[in-house]
Protein backbone atom coordinates (compact mmCIF):
# COMPACT_ATOMS: atom_id res chain seq x y z
CA UNK A 1 25.51 -8.05 -9.74
CA UNK A 2 26.67 -10.75 -7.12
CA UNK A 3 23.97 -11.15 -4.54
CA UNK A 4 24.18 -11.86 -0.85
CA UNK A 5 22.26 -15.01 -1.18
CA UNK A 6 24.64 -16.29 -3.55
CA UNK A 7 27.76 -15.33 -1.55
CA UNK A 8 25.52 -17.20 0.60
CA UNK A 9 24.83 -20.27 -0.91
CA UNK A 10 28.85 -20.36 -1.49
CA UNK A 11 29.95 -19.73 2.28
CA UNK A 12 28.12 -22.30 2.58
CA UNK A 13 29.17 -24.94 0.02
CA UNK A 14 32.63 -23.77 1.20
CA UNK A 15 32.50 -24.28 4.53
CA UNK A 16 31.42 -27.72 4.10
CA UNK A 17 33.37 -28.76 1.53
CA UNK A 18 36.70 -27.56 4.25
CA UNK A 19 34.92 -29.06 7.21
CA UNK A 20 34.55 -32.69 5.16
CA UNK A 21 38.60 -32.22 4.26
CA UNK A 22 39.24 -31.77 8.35
CA UNK A 23 36.60 -35.00 9.16
CA UNK A 24 38.98 -36.98 7.03
CA UNK A 25 42.16 -36.18 8.44
CA UNK A 26 41.44 -36.60 11.63
CA UNK A 27 39.04 -39.38 11.12
CA UNK A 28 42.15 -41.10 9.30
CA UNK A 29 44.73 -41.33 11.35
CA UNK A 30 47.03 -43.11 8.23
CA UNK A 31 45.20 -42.32 5.17
CA UNK A 32 46.30 -44.17 2.00
CA UNK A 33 47.31 -42.54 -0.90
CA UNK A 34 44.05 -42.53 -3.15
CA UNK A 35 42.74 -40.89 1.01
CA UNK A 36 45.06 -38.64 1.00
CA UNK A 37 44.60 -37.06 -2.67
CA UNK A 38 40.37 -37.25 -1.57
CA UNK A 39 41.52 -35.00 1.35
CA UNK A 40 43.88 -32.77 -0.89
CA UNK A 41 40.81 -32.38 -3.50
CA UNK A 42 38.20 -32.01 -0.59
CA UNK A 43 40.41 -29.84 0.88
CA UNK A 44 42.00 -27.40 -1.71
CA UNK A 45 38.59 -27.51 -3.69
CA UNK A 46 36.80 -25.89 -0.11
CA UNK A 47 40.10 -23.32 -0.20
CA UNK A 48 39.74 -22.14 -3.87
CA UNK A 49 35.55 -21.98 -2.91
CA UNK A 50 36.29 -19.96 -0.40
CA UNK A 51 38.92 -17.55 -2.32
CA UNK A 52 35.94 -17.27 -4.79
CA UNK A 53 33.73 -15.90 -2.15
CA UNK A 54 35.47 -13.60 -0.49
CA UNK A 55 36.25 -11.87 -3.82
CA UNK A 56 32.47 -11.73 -4.44
CA UNK A 57 31.78 -10.27 -1.09
CA UNK A 58 35.00 -7.55 -1.40
CA UNK A 59 33.23 -6.82 -4.97
CA UNK A 60 29.76 -6.08 -3.65
CA UNK A 61 30.43 -4.20 -1.15
CA UNK A 62 33.14 -2.45 -3.07
CA UNK A 63 29.76 -1.37 -5.91
CA UNK A 64 27.37 -0.82 -2.88
CA UNK A 65 30.43 1.92 -0.72
CA UNK A 66 30.29 -0.65 2.42
CA UNK A 67 33.07 0.58 3.12
CA UNK A 68 33.27 -0.66 6.89
CA UNK A 69 32.30 -4.27 5.36
CA UNK A 70 34.80 -3.84 2.78
CA UNK A 71 37.82 -2.96 5.35
CA UNK A 72 35.90 -5.57 7.73
CA UNK A 73 36.20 -8.54 5.27
CA UNK A 74 39.22 -7.62 3.62
CA UNK A 75 41.06 -7.58 7.13
CA UNK A 76 39.36 -10.24 8.64
CA UNK A 77 38.01 -12.16 6.08
CA UNK A 78 35.72 -15.49 6.75
CA UNK A 79 34.23 -14.25 10.25
CA UNK A 80 33.35 -11.38 8.94
CA UNK A 81 32.57 -12.34 5.79
CA UNK A 82 29.54 -14.62 8.06
CA UNK A 83 28.98 -11.60 9.92
CA UNK A 84 27.99 -9.84 7.22
CA UNK A 85 25.77 -12.31 5.13
CA UNK A 86 23.82 -12.34 8.93
CA UNK A 87 23.54 -8.56 9.70
CA UNK A 88 23.02 -6.53 7.05
CA UNK A 89 19.93 -6.46 4.79
CA UNK A 90 19.64 -7.11 0.83
CA UNK A 91 19.17 -4.11 0.03
CA UNK A 92 21.02 -1.48 1.31
CA UNK A 93 19.14 1.32 3.55
CA UNK A 94 20.34 4.66 1.58
CA UNK A 95 20.51 5.27 -1.60
CA UNK A 96 23.02 3.92 -3.69
CA UNK A 97 24.48 6.63 -6.32
CA UNK A 98 24.40 5.04 -9.51
CA UNK A 99 26.82 6.47 -12.62
CA UNK A 100 25.83 6.39 -16.35
CA UNK A 101 23.98 8.37 -19.34
CA UNK A 102 21.14 9.46 -18.93
CA UNK A 103 20.02 11.18 -22.19
CA UNK A 104 19.26 15.18 -22.10
CA UNK A 105 15.37 15.61 -22.83
CA UNK A 106 14.65 17.31 -26.06
CA UNK A 107 13.64 20.82 -25.95
CA UNK A 108 10.47 22.41 -25.72
CA UNK A 109 9.62 25.94 -26.97
CA UNK A 110 7.95 28.71 -24.31
CA UNK A 111 5.34 30.16 -25.02
CA UNK A 112 5.80 33.80 -26.38
CA UNK A 113 5.36 36.10 -23.09
CA UNK A 114 2.14 37.68 -23.35
CA UNK A 115 0.59 40.55 -20.89
CA UNK A 116 -2.52 39.78 -19.88
CA UNK A 117 -5.62 42.11 -21.04
CA UNK A 118 -6.22 43.56 -17.85
CA UNK A 119 -3.14 45.27 -16.97
CA UNK A 120 -2.65 48.73 -18.23
CA UNK A 121 1.04 50.57 -17.15
CA UNK A 122 0.50 53.81 -15.33
CA UNK A 123 2.27 57.04 -16.97
CA UNK A 124 3.36 59.77 -14.76
CA UNK A 125 3.07 63.16 -16.14
CA UNK A 126 6.58 64.24 -16.97
CA UNK A 127 7.38 67.67 -15.14
CA UNK A 128 9.15 70.59 -17.61
CA UNK A 129 12.82 70.54 -18.13
CA UNK A 130 14.83 72.68 -15.91
CA UNK A 131 16.80 75.86 -18.72
CA UNK A 132 19.87 75.60 -19.05
CA UNK A 133 22.60 77.86 -16.27
CA UNK A 134 26.07 78.75 -17.21
CA UNK A 135 28.37 76.65 -14.93
CA UNK A 136 29.58 78.74 -12.08
CA UNK A 137 33.01 79.55 -12.99
CA UNK A 138 35.79 79.01 -10.17
CA UNK A 139 38.73 81.24 -10.48
CA UNK A 140 41.98 79.54 -8.77
CA UNK A 141 44.76 81.91 -7.93
CA UNK A 142 48.18 81.43 -9.29
CA UNK A 143 50.35 82.09 -6.69
CA UNK A 144 50.40 82.64 -2.50
CA UNK A 145 49.70 86.13 -2.96
CA UNK A 146 46.55 85.82 -4.92
CA UNK A 147 45.20 83.37 -2.39
CA UNK A 148 46.13 85.53 0.58
CA UNK A 149 45.29 88.77 -1.16
CA UNK A 150 41.14 88.79 -0.19
CA UNK A 151 40.31 91.68 -3.13
CA UNK A 152 41.21 88.61 -5.08
CA UNK A 153 38.00 86.68 -4.34
CA UNK A 154 35.88 90.53 -4.18
CA UNK A 155 36.72 91.59 -7.71
CA UNK A 156 35.33 87.58 -8.59
CA UNK A 157 31.76 87.02 -7.06
CA UNK A 158 28.97 85.32 -7.79
CA UNK A 159 27.33 86.81 -10.33
CA UNK A 160 23.61 87.63 -8.45
CA UNK A 161 21.77 84.91 -9.70
CA UNK A 162 24.03 82.75 -8.07
CA UNK A 163 24.22 84.20 -4.50
CA UNK A 164 22.07 82.46 -1.59
């Protein structure tokens, strides 16, 4: 991973090359062919180094998930990059999630459960089971007349044991 120190060094070198190129351009008002080539070499080297520096800074910001700085560097390039190098610490203050393979822990069998000797479960006395009783038979009338006839129900009363 590219460190901020590497980016800082590249910024200084590219800025120095660009300043030399501009200084030579304005110093020599009418340069010779050799002077033009030298100015071009300094200018081209400074521009290529600036582009490499910006790409490396964008890769670093993307890896650290610093999306605000990433967008700022993408839009305002060199100015935002210099502010980024001055304002942010080398190590981010928040934890960076790292993806990767973490090997599984080996299986460690557990000891079987053994109740303590002092524990004695309580047994409650059981109640006697109730005697079986025949279910109450219910008579349903088959017609409307049977349902309205009071004698139908008197004949089919509940047994004495089920009366309340």
